[in-house]
């Protein structure tokens, strides 16, 4: 999946995510592989933003391959399992990474 499509899908998931109960969350996503890139997800003041920039004041950074992130966004890969298998790396607050994973799951539409 092209990085532009990854970003578009992340924005679509963010639009559907349940952010109730989240005061502030700042996560940077580092995509590795053929379609590499960086973007961040921020929940602040009751709004969620997904932007194609580095976030220097982030609470955590998640590094994952483009293929695995695509699977994660489709609900075909569990973030905790990916972390345990070394397919997903977290720098910073792992609890915030788990909170991001929960947001991602809340935006998935089960078909």
Protein backbone atom coordinates (compact mmCIF):
# COMPACT_ATOMS: atom_id res chain seq x y z
CA UNK A 1 0.00 0.00 0.00
CA UNK A 2 1.39 3.43 -0.94
CA UNK A 3 2.23 5.77 1.96
CA UNK A 4 -0.41 8.26 0.79
CA UNK A 5 -3.00 5.47 1.00
CA UNK A 6 -1.75 4.46 4.45
CA UNK A 7 -2.21 8.04 5.62
CA UNK A 8 -5.67 8.25 4.01
CA UNK A 9 -6.76 5.01 5.71
CA UNK A 10 -5.35 6.20 9.07
CA UNK A 11 -7.38 9.41 8.74
CA UNK A 12 -10.53 7.41 7.91
CA UNK A 13 -10.01 5.20 10.96
CA UNK A 14 -9.37 8.27 13.11
CA UNK A 15 -12.65 9.81 11.95
CA UNK A 16 -14.48 6.72 13.22
CA UNK A 17 -12.47 6.27 16.43
CA UNK A 18 -14.09 6.66 19.83
CA UNK A 19 -11.98 9.32 21.56
CA UNK A 20 -14.31 9.77 24.51
CA UNK A 21 -12.31 9.56 27.70
CA UNK A 22 -9.02 10.47 26.00
CA UNK A 23 -7.76 13.83 27.26
CA UNK A 24 -4.50 13.91 25.34
CA UNK A 25 -2.60 11.43 23.19
CA UNK A 26 0.39 12.10 20.93
CA UNK A 27 1.76 9.14 18.98
CA UNK A 28 4.20 9.18 16.09
CA UNK A 29 3.99 6.33 13.59
CA UNK A 30 7.18 5.41 11.72
CA UNK A 31 6.42 3.28 8.66
CA UNK A 32 9.33 1.22 7.37
CA UNK A 33 9.66 -0.71 4.14
CA UNK A 34 9.07 0.05 0.51
CA UNK A 35 6.45 2.70 1.36
CA UNK A 36 8.14 4.35 4.33
CA UNK A 37 7.05 7.59 5.95
CA UNK A 38 6.17 9.28 9.22
CA UNK A 39 2.92 10.64 10.57
CA UNK A 40 1.42 11.44 13.93
CA UNK A 41 -1.91 10.97 15.63
CA UNK A 42 -2.93 13.51 18.25
CA UNK A 43 -6.02 13.61 20.42
CA UNK A 44 -6.42 17.01 22.02
CA UNK A 45 -9.38 19.14 23.12
CA UNK A 46 -11.89 16.49 21.98
CA UNK A 47 -10.48 16.33 18.42
CA UNK A 48 -8.29 13.81 16.67
CA UNK A 49 -5.70 14.80 14.05
CA UNK A 50 -3.59 12.70 11.72
CA UNK A 51 -0.79 14.63 10.00
CA UNK A 52 2.22 13.59 7.88
CA UNK A 53 4.88 15.10 10.14
CA UNK A 54 7.20 14.08 12.95
CA UNK A 55 5.90 14.91 16.42
CA UNK A 56 8.76 15.91 18.69
CA UNK A 57 6.72 16.19 21.89
CA UNK A 58 5.18 12.77 21.41
CA UNK A 59 4.36 10.40 24.23
CA UNK A 60 5.54 7.43 22.20
CA UNK A 61 6.69 6.41 18.76
CA UNK A 62 5.62 3.21 17.05
CA UNK A 63 7.77 1.70 14.31
CA UNK A 64 6.24 -0.92 12.05
CA UNK A 65 6.57 -2.14 8.46
CA UNK A 66 4.20 -0.85 5.81
CA UNK A 67 2.79 -4.36 5.28
CA UNK A 68 2.19 -4.96 8.99
CA UNK A 69 0.62 -1.52 9.49
CA UNK A 70 -1.77 -2.24 6.63
CA UNK A 71 -2.75 -5.49 8.37
CA UNK A 72 -3.15 -3.63 11.66
CA UNK A 73 -5.49 -1.10 10.04
CA UNK A 74 -7.62 -3.89 8.54
CA UNK A 75 -7.88 -5.70 11.88
CA UNK A 76 -5.83 -8.63 10.55
CA UNK A 77 -2.94 -8.12 13.01
CA UNK A 78 -3.15 -7.63 16.76
CA UNK A 79 -0.82 -4.87 18.01
CA UNK A 80 0.15 -6.72 21.19
CA UNK A 81 0.96 -9.88 19.24
CA UNK A 82 2.99 -7.84 16.72
CA UNK A 83 4.90 -6.26 19.61
CA UNK A 84 5.57 -9.65 21.22
CA UNK A 85 6.84 -11.00 17.89
CA UNK A 86 9.12 -7.98 17.32
CA UNK A 87 7.14 -6.78 14.31
CA UNK A 88 6.18 -3.56 16.10
CA UNK A 89 8.57 -1.49 18.22
CA UNK A 90 7.64 1.15 20.79
CA UNK A 91 9.82 4.00 21.97
CA UNK A 92 8.48 5.86 25.00
CA UNK A 93 5.29 5.17 26.94
CA UNK A 94 4.08 1.68 26.00
CA UNK A 95 0.77 2.38 27.75
CA UNK A 96 0.11 5.18 25.26
CA UNK A 97 0.92 2.81 22.40
CA UNK A 98 -1.69 0.42 23.79
CA UNK A 99 -4.17 3.30 24.06
CA UNK A 100 -3.46 4.11 20.39
CA UNK A 101 -4.10 0.46 19.50
CA UNK A 102 -7.46 0.64 21.26
CA UNK A 103 -8.34 3.81 19.31
CA UNK A 104 -7.40 2.05 16.08
CA UNK A 105 -9.65 -0.89 16.95
CA UNK A 106 -12.55 1.43 17.82
CA UNK A 107 -12.37 2.92 14.31
CA UNK A 108 -12.50 -0.44 12.54
CA UNK A 109 -15.81 -1.39 11.02
CA UNK A 110 -16.56 -5.04 11.45
CA UNK A 111 -18.01 -6.40 8.21
